[in-house]
Structure formats: C-alpha cells, structure tokens
Amino acid sequence: MSGFLERLAELCAIDSPTGDTAACDACALLLAGFARDAGIAVEVAPSPVGLHLVASARGRGEGRVLLIGHHDTVFPHGTAADRPVREQAGRARGPGVADMKGGLLVALEALARLAADPEGAHGLVELHSVPDEEGRNVAPYTLERMRGADASLCFECGRASGAIVTARKAGTWLTLTAHGRPAHAGTELHGFLAYLMKCTAAAMPYWMNGSTRRASFLSMYWVASKPFTDELNFTA
C-alpha cells in the first residue's frame, strides 16, 4: 500500500466527532475502500451508532488476532479545514492523525501484507474499528463480533517522545443482580444494603447524608451493623 500520507490526509479531512453518524460512516466507508483496493476482505456492519468496520486476512496458521481501533474523533466540525494534515520534520500532524486514524491505516498496512501471503504462518487477523469510542460508556454494540479472540492489539498512538505503548487498560461489562430485603431506604437502613453491595461490586460511589462516598466492604459491614432505629438519608 503506497501513498500512506495521501490516504491519511484524505481520511483526516473528514471531521468525525462522536455522535455524528453520517461523518463516522463516511470514514468507515473510506477505510473499507482502502482495504478493498489493497486486496483485503472487508465488511461494514451496521449498529445504532454507525458502521463498524471489519477487515480481515487469513493465513494457514491457527488462532485469531484482533487489531482494534475507532474512527470517531474528539474534534468539532471545521477543525480539518482549519488545520489540515501536514508533514513537518518527518512527522504528520493534523486532527485525528494520532488518535487514531493514523493507527487504523497502519493496521490496514499490516493486513495488506498478510493478505498478500495467504500461505503464511498467520491465522485469522481482523481489524475492528468502531464509530463511538471517544464518548461511549457502555459496551460496544458489536462486542459479540469481537469475542473469542486469542489476542488483541490496540493501534492507538504512542507518546510524543516516540515511545511505544506496550500495554493498555482493558474493560469488561457485567450485569450485576443484587438481592436484599425490601425496605424504605430512608428509615430502615438494612434495605440499603443490597444497593451498597452493588455499588461496591461495580466500584461506584454512592450518596449519603449530603456527601459522595466510595462503596467498600467496610462500608457494607458498617451498614449491616447499624440498628434498625437509625435513620440516614441516601440517594442513588
């Protein structure tokens, strides 16, 4: 895949702030076109927040590796026009170059080389790019498409110093079900215990007596030890 900087400039010329489905879809379709031109198998899967790009290459080996990323950015409309991509002292600069349209193109470059070698030792390698990473606080809508991989590599940027990021934090999404005795939370404190247990398990703060507190097993013990006659005010 030649013309990396040209493709980067074209991709970053599309302002794709999180929540602008049309703009993010335009990026996904452009990336899909780049992939097809390079001989990479590609599809775009619909989701409630926009198109999810899946590009892949398969060799004769075993295993499944994900290359993960996102094509939304934090920049408002007009940013790309104000400061388009430019090369300066051997570095490309512009909105989305580092976070993370440049990384997506690097991943496509890797996939193109793998796709050109179907007899290679690699197994299935997939690039997944979502349209809502920057502003999402729930599980990706297409999470099921990504489950079951043996390994994943994030193609977000490194550091300004040029250092490579060798590990990133992971996330998980759980459904917690709390069981407890029904009671009015403001008068019978033990009715609050199940809620507090849920906050503790989810590492969420809770509101009590006019202040925010961090749930912990110690606070659960404190609540369980209070007599029924105690009265406290708390809200979710």
Protein backbone atom coordinates (compact mmCIF):
# COMPACT_ATOMS: atom_id res chain seq x y z
CA MET A 1 0.00 0.00 0.00
CA SER A 2 1.76 3.10 -1.24
CA GLY A 3 0.55 6.65 -0.71
CA PHE A 4 0.16 6.39 3.06
CA LEU A 5 0.34 10.14 3.69
CA GLU A 6 -2.19 10.84 0.94
CA ARG A 7 -4.67 8.38 2.43
CA LEU A 8 -4.07 9.83 5.87
CA ALA A 9 -4.80 13.35 4.63
CA GLU A 10 -7.98 12.16 2.90
CA LEU A 11 -9.22 10.32 5.99
CA CYS A 12 -8.39 13.15 8.40
CA ALA A 13 -10.08 15.66 6.11
CA ILE A 14 -13.38 14.20 7.35
CA ASP A 15 -14.27 15.65 10.75
CA SER A 16 -15.89 12.69 12.53
CA PRO A 17 -16.87 13.74 16.06
CA THR A 18 -18.53 11.07 18.16
CA GLY A 19 -22.27 11.10 17.60
CA ASP A 20 -22.18 12.36 14.02
CA THR A 21 -23.24 9.10 12.40
CA ALA A 22 -23.02 10.36 8.82
CA ALA A 23 -19.45 11.61 9.27
CA CYS A 24 -18.28 8.49 11.08
CA ASP A 25 -19.92 6.30 8.43
CA ALA A 26 -18.09 8.26 5.75
CA CYS A 27 -14.81 7.38 7.46
CA ALA A 28 -15.78 3.71 7.74
CA LEU A 29 -16.68 3.55 4.04
CA LEU A 30 -13.45 5.29 3.04
CA LEU A 31 -11.43 2.82 5.11
CA ALA A 32 -13.39 -0.04 3.53
CA GLY A 33 -12.45 1.29 0.11
CA PHE A 34 -8.78 1.47 1.06
CA ALA A 35 -8.99 -2.14 2.26
CA ARG A 36 -10.63 -3.44 -0.93
CA ASP A 37 -8.07 -1.65 -3.08
CA ALA A 38 -5.34 -3.48 -1.15
CA GLY A 39 -6.98 -6.90 -1.60
CA ILE A 40 -8.22 -7.14 1.99
CA ALA A 41 -11.57 -8.79 2.78
CA VAL A 42 -13.81 -6.19 4.37
CA GLU A 43 -17.35 -5.59 5.55
CA VAL A 44 -19.15 -2.76 7.32
CA ALA A 45 -21.65 -3.88 9.95
CA PRO A 46 -24.48 -1.55 10.98
CA SER A 47 -25.02 -0.57 14.61
CA PRO A 48 -27.23 2.02 16.35
CA VAL A 49 -24.27 4.44 16.45
CA GLY A 50 -22.85 3.90 12.99
CA LEU A 51 -20.90 1.47 10.87
CA HIS A 52 -18.46 -0.98 12.43
CA LEU A 53 -15.57 -1.80 10.08
CA VAL A 54 -14.27 -5.37 9.95
CA ALA A 55 -11.31 -6.08 7.66
CA SER A 56 -9.52 -9.41 7.71
CA ALA A 57 -6.78 -11.59 6.30
CA ARG A 58 -6.33 -15.33 6.79
CA GLY A 59 -3.24 -17.48 6.53
CA ARG A 60 -2.60 -21.19 7.04
CA GLY A 61 -1.86 -20.83 10.74
CA GLU A 62 -4.07 -21.15 13.81
CA GLY A 63 -5.56 -18.59 16.16
CA ARG A 64 -7.42 -15.32 15.84
CA VAL A 65 -5.87 -11.91 16.50
CA LEU A 66 -7.75 -8.62 16.64
CA LEU A 67 -6.36 -5.25 15.62
CA ILE A 68 -8.68 -2.80 17.34
CA GLY A 69 -9.40 0.87 16.88
CA HIS A 70 -12.02 3.57 16.26
CA HIS A 71 -12.74 6.07 13.52
CA ASP A 72 -14.52 8.76 15.55
CA THR A 73 -12.53 11.70 16.93
CA VAL A 74 -12.90 14.46 19.52
CA PHE A 75 -12.60 17.35 17.05
CA PRO A 76 -15.62 19.52 16.13
CA HIS A 77 -16.62 20.30 12.57
CA GLY A 78 -14.34 22.79 10.89
CA THR A 79 -11.15 21.55 12.54
CA ALA A 80 -9.89 19.70 9.46
CA ALA A 81 -10.38 22.79 7.31
CA ASP A 82 -8.59 24.98 9.84
CA ARG A 83 -5.56 22.74 10.17
CA PRO A 84 -5.36 20.02 7.51
CA VAL A 85 -2.80 17.25 7.67
CA ARG A 86 0.75 18.40 7.01
CA GLU A 87 4.16 16.83 7.25
CA GLN A 88 6.68 18.65 9.41
CA ALA A 89 10.18 17.41 10.18
CA GLY A 90 9.27 13.86 9.30
CA ARG A 91 6.07 13.85 11.33
CA ALA A 92 2.47 14.06 10.17
CA ARG A 93 0.31 16.49 12.11
CA GLY A 94 -3.43 17.12 11.97
CA PRO A 95 -6.74 16.27 13.64
CA GLY A 96 -7.03 12.52 14.08
CA VAL A 97 -3.51 11.68 12.91
CA ALA A 98 -2.57 10.19 16.28
CA ASP A 99 -5.96 9.36 17.77
CA MET A 100 -6.43 7.38 15.79
CA LYS A 101 -6.88 7.45 12.05
CA GLY A 102 -3.15 7.05 11.52
CA GLY A 103 -3.22 3.89 13.60
CA LEU A 104 -6.06 2.46 11.51
CA LEU A 105 -4.02 2.97 8.35
CA VAL A 106 -1.01 1.28 9.96
CA ALA A 107 -3.27 -1.69 10.79
CA LEU A 108 -4.53 -1.79 7.19
CA GLU A 109 -0.92 -1.73 6.00
CA ALA A 110 -0.20 -4.80 8.16
CA LEU A 111 -3.34 -6.55 6.90
CA ALA A 112 -2.41 -5.84 3.29
CA ARG A 113 0.92 -7.61 3.76
CA LEU A 114 -0.80 -10.57 5.41
CA ALA A 115 -3.50 -10.73 2.73
CA ALA A 116 -0.76 -10.87 0.09
CA ASP A 117 0.60 -14.02 1.76
CA PRO A 118 -2.34 -16.43 2.20
CA GLU A 119 0.11 -19.31 2.66
CA GLY A 120 1.78 -17.53 5.58
CA ALA A 121 2.00 -18.81 9.14
CA HIS A 122 -0.59 -16.36 10.49
CA GLY A 123 -4.10 -17.45 11.34
CA LEU A 124 -7.10 -15.12 11.13
CA VAL A 125 -6.23 -11.47 11.69
CA GLU A 126 -9.08 -8.95 11.90
CA LEU A 127 -9.17 -5.19 12.13
CA HIS A 128 -12.19 -3.90 14.05
CA SER A 129 -12.92 -0.17 14.07
CA VAL A 130 -15.89 1.21 16.00
CA PRO A 131 -17.60 4.60 15.48
CA ASP A 132 -18.15 5.65 19.09
CA GLU A 133 -15.08 5.03 21.25
CA GLU A 134 -14.46 8.61 22.34
CA GLY A 135 -17.83 9.17 24.01
CA ARG A 136 -19.05 5.68 24.89
CA ASN A 137 -19.55 4.44 28.46
CA VAL A 138 -21.30 1.19 27.57
CA ALA A 139 -20.15 -1.98 25.87
CA PRO A 140 -19.61 -1.70 22.10
CA TYR A 141 -22.79 -2.56 20.26
CA THR A 142 -20.84 -5.03 18.15
CA LEU A 143 -18.96 -6.62 21.06
CA GLU A 144 -20.16 -10.10 20.13
CA ARG A 145 -18.32 -9.79 16.81
CA MET A 146 -15.07 -9.36 18.73
CA ARG A 147 -15.42 -12.05 21.39
CA GLY A 148 -13.30 -15.17 21.37
CA ALA A 149 -10.02 -13.76 20.06
CA ASP A 150 -6.72 -15.19 21.26
CA ALA A 151 -5.06 -11.78 21.42
CA SER A 152 -5.74 -8.15 20.56
CA LEU A 153 -3.53 -5.21 19.66
CA CYS A 154 -4.65 -1.61 20.04
CA PHE A 155 -3.45 0.71 17.27
CA GLU A 156 -3.89 3.99 19.13
CA CYS A 157 -0.98 6.35 19.19
CA GLY A 158 2.22 6.05 21.19
CA ARG A 159 3.68 9.01 23.02
CA ALA A 160 5.01 12.38 21.88
CA SER A 161 8.51 11.20 22.74
CA GLY A 162 8.20 8.40 20.21
CA ALA A 163 7.89 5.76 22.92
CA ILE A 164 5.79 2.70 22.08
CA VAL A 165 2.84 1.82 24.33
CA THR A 166 3.25 -1.87 25.14
CA ALA A 167 0.07 -2.35 27.20
CA ARG A 168 -3.29 -0.66 27.67
CA LYS A 169 -6.08 -0.99 30.17
CA ALA A 170 -8.88 -3.35 29.29
CA GLY A 171 -12.55 -3.09 30.15
CA THR A 172 -15.33 -5.51 30.83
CA TRP A 173 -19.09 -5.17 31.09
CA LEU A 174 -21.01 -7.10 33.70
CA THR A 175 -24.65 -7.45 34.66
CA LEU A 176 -24.99 -7.34 38.46
CA THR A 177 -28.10 -8.56 40.21
CA ALA A 178 -28.49 -7.64 43.90
CA HIS A 179 -30.84 -9.48 46.26
CA GLY A 180 -31.95 -7.98 49.56
CA ARG A 181 -34.89 -7.24 51.79
CA PRO A 182 -37.31 -4.58 50.53
CA ALA A 183 -37.37 -1.55 52.80
CA HIS A 184 -37.62 2.23 52.63
CA ALA A 185 -34.07 3.43 52.25
CA GLY A 186 -34.55 6.47 54.44
CA THR A 187 -35.90 4.71 57.51
CA GLU A 188 -34.81 1.08 57.53
CA LEU A 189 -31.13 1.13 56.77
CA HIS A 190 -30.87 -2.56 56.04
CA GLY A 191 -32.94 -2.01 52.90
CA PHE A 192 -29.96 -0.09 51.55
CA LEU A 193 -27.50 -2.93 51.93
CA ALA A 194 -28.22 -4.62 48.59
CA TYR A 195 -27.76 -1.31 46.78
CA LEU A 196 -24.50 -0.70 48.62
CA MET A 197 -23.27 -4.19 47.72
CA LYS A 198 -23.97 -3.41 44.07
CA CYS A 199 -22.03 -0.14 44.27
CA THR A 200 -19.13 -1.96 45.88
CA ALA A 201 -19.00 -4.66 43.21
CA ALA A 202 -19.17 -2.07 40.43
CA ALA A 203 -16.70 0.33 42.11
CA MET A 204 -19.35 3.07 42.00
CA PRO A 205 -19.73 5.89 44.54
CA TYR A 206 -22.96 6.43 46.45
CA TRP A 207 -24.61 9.47 48.01
CA MET A 208 -25.34 9.52 51.74
CA ASN A 209 -26.03 12.32 54.20
CA GLY A 210 -25.15 15.07 51.76
CA SER A 211 -21.83 13.71 50.54
CA THR A 212 -20.47 11.27 47.99
CA ARG A 213 -18.80 8.21 49.44
CA ARG A 214 -16.88 5.32 47.95
CA ALA A 215 -18.53 1.95 48.48
CA SER A 216 -16.39 -0.72 50.08
CA PHE A 217 -16.77 -3.92 52.03
CA LEU A 218 -16.01 -1.91 55.17
CA SER A 219 -18.97 0.38 54.49
CA MET A 220 -21.17 -2.68 53.89
CA TYR A 221 -20.12 -4.03 57.30
CA TRP A 222 -20.90 -0.65 58.87
CA VAL A 223 -24.41 -0.60 57.37
CA ALA A 224 -25.10 -4.19 58.40
CA SER A 225 -24.09 -3.40 61.98
CA LYS A 226 -26.46 -0.42 62.40
CA PRO A 227 -29.66 -0.93 64.37
CA PHE A 228 -33.00 -0.61 62.59
CA THR A 229 -33.80 2.56 64.53
CA ASP A 230 -31.01 4.55 62.89
CA GLU A 231 -32.14 6.90 60.17
CA LEU A 232 -29.94 8.19 57.36
CA ASN A 233 -30.69 9.91 54.05
CA PHE A 234 -29.18 8.48 50.90
CA THR A 235 -29.94 8.51 47.19
CA ALA A 236 -28.68 6.69 44.14
